[in-house]
Amino acid sequence: MASIDEQVLRATKEIVVKFIEGGRISPAGFTDSFKNIYDTVHDTVKRRAHPSSSDDHKA
């Protein structure tokens, strides 16, 4: 199994490719978009892997 960082990178790549194919991101905006999407995916995965007490679900 790949490391979490590898999985985050792969997921980010797939998202960016789909956005480029769909015309939502231009190749010229790739750098900024990739960084933003990577940070979002990475932060979400890390938060899920290590939830804090403030992230508890309320029923």
PDB file of N, CA and C in Angstrom:
ATOM      1  N   MET A   1       0.843  -1.191   0.000  1.00  0.00           N
ATOM      2  CA  MET A   1       0.000   0.000   0.000  1.00  0.00           C
ATOM      3  C   MET A   1       0.882   1.246   0.000  1.00  0.00           C
ATOM      4  N   ALA A   2       0.458   2.237  -0.739  1.00  0.00           N
ATOM      5  CA  ALA A   2       1.221   3.482  -0.854  1.00  0.00           C
ATOM      6  C   ALA A   2       1.082   4.304   0.426  1.00  0.00           C
ATOM      7  N   SER A   3       2.066   5.153   0.654  1.00  0.00           N
ATOM      8  CA  SER A   3       1.997   6.018   1.824  1.00  0.00           C
ATOM      9  C   SER A   3       0.853   7.009   1.656  1.00  0.00           C
ATOM     10  N   ILE A   4       0.440   7.613   2.735  1.00  0.00           N
ATOM     11  CA  ILE A   4      -0.637   8.595   2.693  1.00  0.00           C
ATOM     12  C   ILE A   4      -0.262   9.758   1.782  1.00  0.00           C
ATOM     13  N   ASP A   5       0.983  10.208   1.859  1.00  0.00           N
ATOM     14  CA  ASP A   5       1.404  11.329   1.010  1.00  0.00           C
ATOM     15  C   ASP A   5       1.309  10.971  -0.471  1.00  0.00           C
ATOM     16  N   GLU A   6       1.647   9.741  -0.813  1.00  0.00           N
ATOM     17  CA  GLU A   6       1.532   9.292  -2.204  1.00  0.00           C
ATOM     18  C   GLU A   6       0.072   9.270  -2.642  1.00  0.00           C
ATOM     19  N   GLN A   7      -0.795   8.810  -1.766  1.00  0.00           N
ATOM     20  CA  GLN A   7      -2.219   8.749  -2.078  1.00  0.00           C
ATOM     21  C   GLN A   7      -2.805  10.153  -2.230  1.00  0.00           C
ATOM     22  N   VAL A   8      -2.363  11.075  -1.397  1.00  0.00           N
ATOM     23  CA  VAL A   8      -2.822  12.461  -1.502  1.00  0.00           C
ATOM     24  C   VAL A   8      -2.367  13.040  -2.842  1.00  0.00           C
ATOM     25  N   LEU A   9      -1.133  12.774  -3.209  1.00  0.00           N
ATOM     26  CA  LEU A   9      -0.608  13.274  -4.481  1.00  0.00           C
ATOM     27  C   LEU A   9      -1.392  12.712  -5.667  1.00  0.00           C
ATOM     28  N   ARG A  10      -1.678  11.412  -5.620  1.00  0.00           N
ATOM     29  CA  ARG A  10      -2.446  10.783  -6.701  1.00  0.00           C
ATOM     30  C   ARG A  10      -3.857  11.355  -6.792  1.00  0.00           C
ATOM     31  N   ALA A  11      -4.510  11.501  -5.644  1.00  0.00           N
ATOM     32  CA  ALA A  11      -5.869  12.045  -5.633  1.00  0.00           C
ATOM     33  C   ALA A  11      -5.879  13.463  -6.177  1.00  0.00           C
ATOM     34  N   THR A  12      -4.904  14.261  -5.764  1.00  0.00           N
ATOM     35  CA  THR A  12      -4.801  15.644  -6.245  1.00  0.00           C
ATOM     36  C   THR A  12      -4.628  15.668  -7.755  1.00  0.00           C
ATOM     37  N   LYS A  13      -3.758  14.809  -8.254  1.00  0.00           N
ATOM     38  CA  LYS A  13      -3.515  14.748  -9.694  1.00  0.00           C
ATOM     39  C   LYS A  13      -4.801  14.418 -10.442  1.00  0.00           C
ATOM     40  N   GLU A  14      -5.541  13.441  -9.956  1.00  0.00           N
ATOM     41  CA  GLU A  14      -6.785  13.045 -10.609  1.00  0.00           C
ATOM     42  C   GLU A  14      -7.806  14.183 -10.599  1.00  0.00           C
ATOM     43  N   ILE A  15      -7.911  14.885  -9.496  1.00  0.00           N
ATOM     44  CA  ILE A  15      -8.847  16.009  -9.398  1.00  0.00           C
ATOM     45  C   ILE A  15      -8.455  17.101 -10.379  1.00  0.00           C
ATOM     46  N   VAL A  16      -7.179  17.451 -10.403  1.00  0.00           N
ATOM     47  CA  VAL A  16      -6.715  18.520 -11.297  1.00  0.00           C
ATOM     48  C   VAL A  16      -6.929  18.135 -12.760  1.00  0.00           C
ATOM     49  N   VAL A  17      -6.635  16.905 -13.112  1.00  0.00           N
ATOM     50  CA  VAL A  17      -6.837  16.455 -14.490  1.00  0.00           C
ATOM     51  C   VAL A  17      -8.312  16.568 -14.873  1.00  0.00           C
ATOM     52  N   LYS A  18      -9.209  16.142 -13.999  1.00  0.00           N
ATOM     53  CA  LYS A  18     -10.642  16.241 -14.283  1.00  0.00           C
ATOM     54  C   LYS A  18     -11.063  17.699 -14.438  1.00  0.00           C
ATOM     55  N   PHE A  19     -10.539  18.581 -13.596  1.00  0.00           N
ATOM     56  CA  PHE A  19     -10.886  19.996 -13.695  1.00  0.00           C
ATOM     57  C   PHE A  19     -10.366  20.604 -14.994  1.00  0.00           C
ATOM     58  N   ILE A  20      -9.172  20.205 -15.423  1.00  0.00           N
ATOM     59  CA  ILE A  20      -8.630  20.707 -16.693  1.00  0.00           C
ATOM     60  C   ILE A  20      -9.482  20.187 -17.847  1.00  0.00           C
ATOM     61  N   GLU A  21      -9.800  18.888 -17.823  1.00  0.00           N
ATOM     62  CA  GLU A  21     -10.640  18.305 -18.871  1.00  0.00           C
ATOM     63  C   GLU A  21     -12.007  18.969 -18.938  1.00  0.00           C
ATOM     64  N   GLY A  22     -12.539  19.343 -17.795  1.00  0.00           N
ATOM     65  CA  GLY A  22     -13.856  19.974 -17.737  1.00  0.00           C
ATOM     66  C   GLY A  22     -13.825  21.470 -17.993  1.00  0.00           C
ATOM     67  N   GLY A  23     -12.635  22.018 -18.169  1.00  0.00           N
ATOM     68  CA  GLY A  23     -12.503  23.436 -18.462  1.00  0.00           C
ATOM     69  C   GLY A  23     -12.598  24.346 -17.247  1.00  0.00           C
ATOM     70  N   ARG A  24     -12.554  23.775 -16.054  1.00  0.00           N
ATOM     71  CA  ARG A  24     -12.651  24.585 -14.834  1.00  0.00           C
ATOM     72  C   ARG A  24     -11.302  25.176 -14.431  1.00  0.00           C
ATOM     73  N   ILE A  25     -10.217  24.545 -14.883  1.00  0.00           N
ATOM     74  CA  ILE A  25      -8.859  25.036 -14.631  1.00  0.00           C
ATOM     75  C   ILE A  25      -8.150  25.083 -15.979  1.00  0.00           C
ATOM     76  N   SER A  26      -7.463  26.185 -16.224  1.00  0.00           N
ATOM     77  CA  SER A  26      -6.670  26.253 -17.453  1.00  0.00           C
ATOM     78  C   SER A  26      -5.261  25.750 -17.144  1.00  0.00           C
ATOM     79  N   PRO A  27      -4.581  25.202 -18.141  1.00  0.00           N
ATOM     80  CA  PRO A  27      -3.201  24.763 -17.903  1.00  0.00           C
ATOM     81  C   PRO A  27      -2.312  25.895 -17.370  1.00  0.00           C
ATOM     82  N   ALA A  28      -2.636  27.136 -17.725  1.00  0.00           N
ATOM     83  CA  ALA A  28      -1.856  28.272 -17.230  1.00  0.00           C
ATOM     84  C   ALA A  28      -2.025  28.451 -15.721  1.00  0.00           C
ATOM     85  N   GLY A  29      -3.162  28.053 -15.179  1.00  0.00           N
ATOM     86  CA  GLY A  29      -3.420  28.188 -13.740  1.00  0.00           C
ATOM     87  C   GLY A  29      -3.094  26.936 -12.959  1.00  0.00           C
ATOM     88  N   PHE A  30      -2.410  26.001 -13.603  1.00  0.00           N
ATOM     89  CA  PHE A  30      -2.120  24.705 -12.991  1.00  0.00           C
ATOM     90  C   PHE A  30      -1.396  24.816 -11.655  1.00  0.00           C
ATOM     91  N   THR A  31      -0.341  25.611 -11.598  1.00  0.00           N
ATOM     92  CA  THR A  31       0.503  25.667 -10.403  1.00  0.00           C
ATOM     93  C   THR A  31      -0.279  26.069  -9.166  1.00  0.00           C
ATOM     94  N   ASP A  32      -0.985  27.179  -9.251  1.00  0.00           N
ATOM     95  CA  ASP A  32      -1.753  27.648  -8.088  1.00  0.00           C
ATOM     96  C   ASP A  32      -2.877  26.684  -7.742  1.00  0.00           C
ATOM     97  N   SER A  33      -3.564  26.200  -8.759  1.00  0.00           N
ATOM     98  CA  SER A  33      -4.672  25.283  -8.516  1.00  0.00           C
ATOM     99  C   SER A  33      -4.187  23.989  -7.882  1.00  0.00           C
ATOM    100  N   PHE A  34      -3.086  23.433  -8.395  1.00  0.00           N
ATOM    101  CA  PHE A  34      -2.560  22.187  -7.857  1.00  0.00           C
ATOM    102  C   PHE A  34      -2.198  22.362  -6.382  1.00  0.00           C
ATOM    103  N   LYS A  35      -1.519  23.462  -6.062  1.00  0.00           N
ATOM    104  CA  LYS A  35      -1.129  23.710  -4.663  1.00  0.00           C
ATOM    105  C   LYS A  35      -2.343  23.802  -3.759  1.00  0.00           C
ATOM    106  N   ASN A  36      -3.351  24.545  -4.189  1.00  0.00           N
ATOM    107  CA  ASN A  36      -4.554  24.714  -3.374  1.00  0.00           C
ATOM    108  C   ASN A  36      -5.297  23.400  -3.174  1.00  0.00           C
ATOM    109  N   ILE A  37      -5.436  22.640  -4.241  1.00  0.00           N
ATOM    110  CA  ILE A  37      -6.138  21.358  -4.141  1.00  0.00           C
ATOM    111  C   ILE A  37      -5.337  20.383  -3.292  1.00  0.00           C
ATOM    112  N   TYR A  38      -4.017  20.333  -3.491  1.00  0.00           N
ATOM    113  CA  TYR A  38      -3.174  19.444  -2.694  1.00  0.00           C
ATOM    114  C   TYR A  38      -3.302  19.780  -1.203  1.00  0.00           C
ATOM    115  N   ASP A  39      -3.205  21.053  -0.877  1.00  0.00           N
ATOM    116  CA  ASP A  39      -3.313  21.463   0.533  1.00  0.00           C
ATOM    117  C   ASP A  39      -4.659  21.066   1.125  1.00  0.00           C
ATOM    118  N   THR A  40      -5.725  21.231   0.353  1.00  0.00           N
ATOM    119  CA  THR A  40      -7.056  20.877   0.834  1.00  0.00           C
ATOM    120  C   THR A  40      -7.185  19.380   1.071  1.00  0.00           C
ATOM    121  N   VAL A  41      -6.740  18.576   0.103  1.00  0.00           N
ATOM    122  CA  VAL A  41      -6.813  17.120   0.252  1.00  0.00           C
ATOM    123  C   VAL A  41      -5.929  16.670   1.420  1.00  0.00           C
ATOM    124  N   HIS A  42      -4.723  17.188   1.484  1.00  0.00           N
ATOM    125  CA  HIS A  42      -3.782  16.807   2.547  1.00  0.00           C
ATOM    126  C   HIS A  42      -4.347  17.150   3.920  1.00  0.00           C
ATOM    127  N   ASP A  43      -4.846  18.367   4.090  1.00  0.00           N
ATOM    128  CA  ASP A  43      -5.404  18.781   5.383  1.00  0.00           C
ATOM    129  C   ASP A  43      -6.603  17.921   5.774  1.00  0.00           C
ATOM    130  N   THR A  44      -7.432  17.589   4.804  1.00  0.00           N
ATOM    131  CA  THR A  44      -8.611  16.760   5.079  1.00  0.00           C
ATOM    132  C   THR A  44      -8.197  15.361   5.518  1.00  0.00           C
ATOM    133  N   VAL A  45      -7.238  14.778   4.828  1.00  0.00           N
ATOM    134  CA  VAL A  45      -6.778  13.430   5.174  1.00  0.00           C
ATOM    135  C   VAL A  45      -6.129  13.430   6.554  1.00  0.00           C
ATOM    136  N   LYS A  46      -5.296  14.398   6.825  1.00  0.00           N
ATOM    137  CA  LYS A  46      -4.614  14.455   8.121  1.00  0.00           C
ATOM    138  C   LYS A  46      -5.611  14.663   9.258  1.00  0.00           C
ATOM    139  N   ARG A  47      -6.630  15.485   9.014  1.00  0.00           N
ATOM    140  CA  ARG A  47      -7.651  15.726  10.034  1.00  0.00           C
ATOM    141  C   ARG A  47      -8.426  14.450  10.315  1.00  0.00           C
ATOM    142  N   ARG A  48      -8.712  13.672   9.275  1.00  0.00           N
ATOM    143  CA  ARG A  48      -9.437  12.402   9.438  1.00  0.00           C
ATOM    144  C   ARG A  48      -8.566  11.368  10.136  1.00  0.00           C
ATOM    145  N   ALA A  49      -7.269  11.393   9.861  1.00  0.00           N
ATOM    146  CA  ALA A  49      -6.362  10.417  10.460  1.00  0.00           C
ATOM    147  C   ALA A  49      -6.110  10.713  11.936  1.00  0.00           C
ATOM    148  N   HIS A  50      -6.155  12.001  12.302  1.00  0.00           N
ATOM    149  CA  HIS A  50      -5.880  12.415  13.676  1.00  0.00           C
ATOM    150  C   HIS A  50      -6.925  13.445  14.123  1.00  0.00           C
ATOM    151  N   PRO A  51      -8.180  12.995  14.328  1.00  0.00           N
ATOM    152  CA  PRO A  51      -9.209  13.964  14.695  1.00  0.00           C
ATOM    153  C   PRO A  51      -8.953  14.526  16.093  1.00  0.00           C
ATOM    154  N   SER A  52      -9.215  15.807  16.236  1.00  0.00           N
ATOM    155  CA  SER A  52      -9.084  16.420  17.556  1.00  0.00           C
ATOM    156  C   SER A  52     -10.423  16.369  18.249  1.00  0.00           C
ATOM    157  N   SER A  53     -10.451  16.679  19.513  1.00  0.00           N
ATOM    158  CA  SER A  53     -11.702  16.618  20.272  1.00  0.00           C
ATOM    159  C   SER A  53     -12.703  17.640  19.768  1.00  0.00           C
ATOM    160  N   SER A  54     -12.240  18.728  19.138  1.00  0.00           N
ATOM    161  CA  SER A  54     -13.149  19.745  18.607  1.00  0.00           C
ATOM    162  C   SER A  54     -13.834  19.289  17.324  1.00  0.00           C
ATOM    163  N   ASP A  55     -13.351  18.204  16.719  1.00  0.00           N
ATOM    164  CA  ASP A  55     -13.929  17.694  15.480  1.00  0.00           C
ATOM    165  C   ASP A  55     -14.975  16.613  15.732  1.00  0.00           C
ATOM    166  N   ASP A  56     -15.323  16.379  17.017  1.00  0.00           N
ATOM    167  CA  ASP A  56     -16.309  15.353  17.330  1.00  0.00           C
ATOM    168  C   ASP A  56     -17.618  15.650  16.652  1.00  0.00           C
ATOM    169  N   HIS A  57     -18.287  14.589  16.202  1.00  0.00           N
ATOM    170  CA  HIS A  57     -19.575  14.747  15.536  1.00  0.00           C
ATOM    171  C   HIS A  57     -20.661  14.903  16.588  1.00  0.00           C
ATOM    172  N   LYS A  58     -21.560  15.815  16.329  1.00  0.00           N
ATOM    173  CA  LYS A  58     -22.678  16.029  17.252  1.00  0.00           C
ATOM    174  C   LYS A  58     -23.899  15.363  16.675  1.00  0.00           C
ATOM    175  N   ALA A  59     -24.620  14.634  17.503  1.00  0.00           N
ATOM    176  CA  ALA A  59     -25.815  13.926  17.039  1.00  0.00           C
ATOM    177  C   ALA A  59     -27.065  14.682  17.374  1.00  0.00           C
TER     178      ALA A  59
END
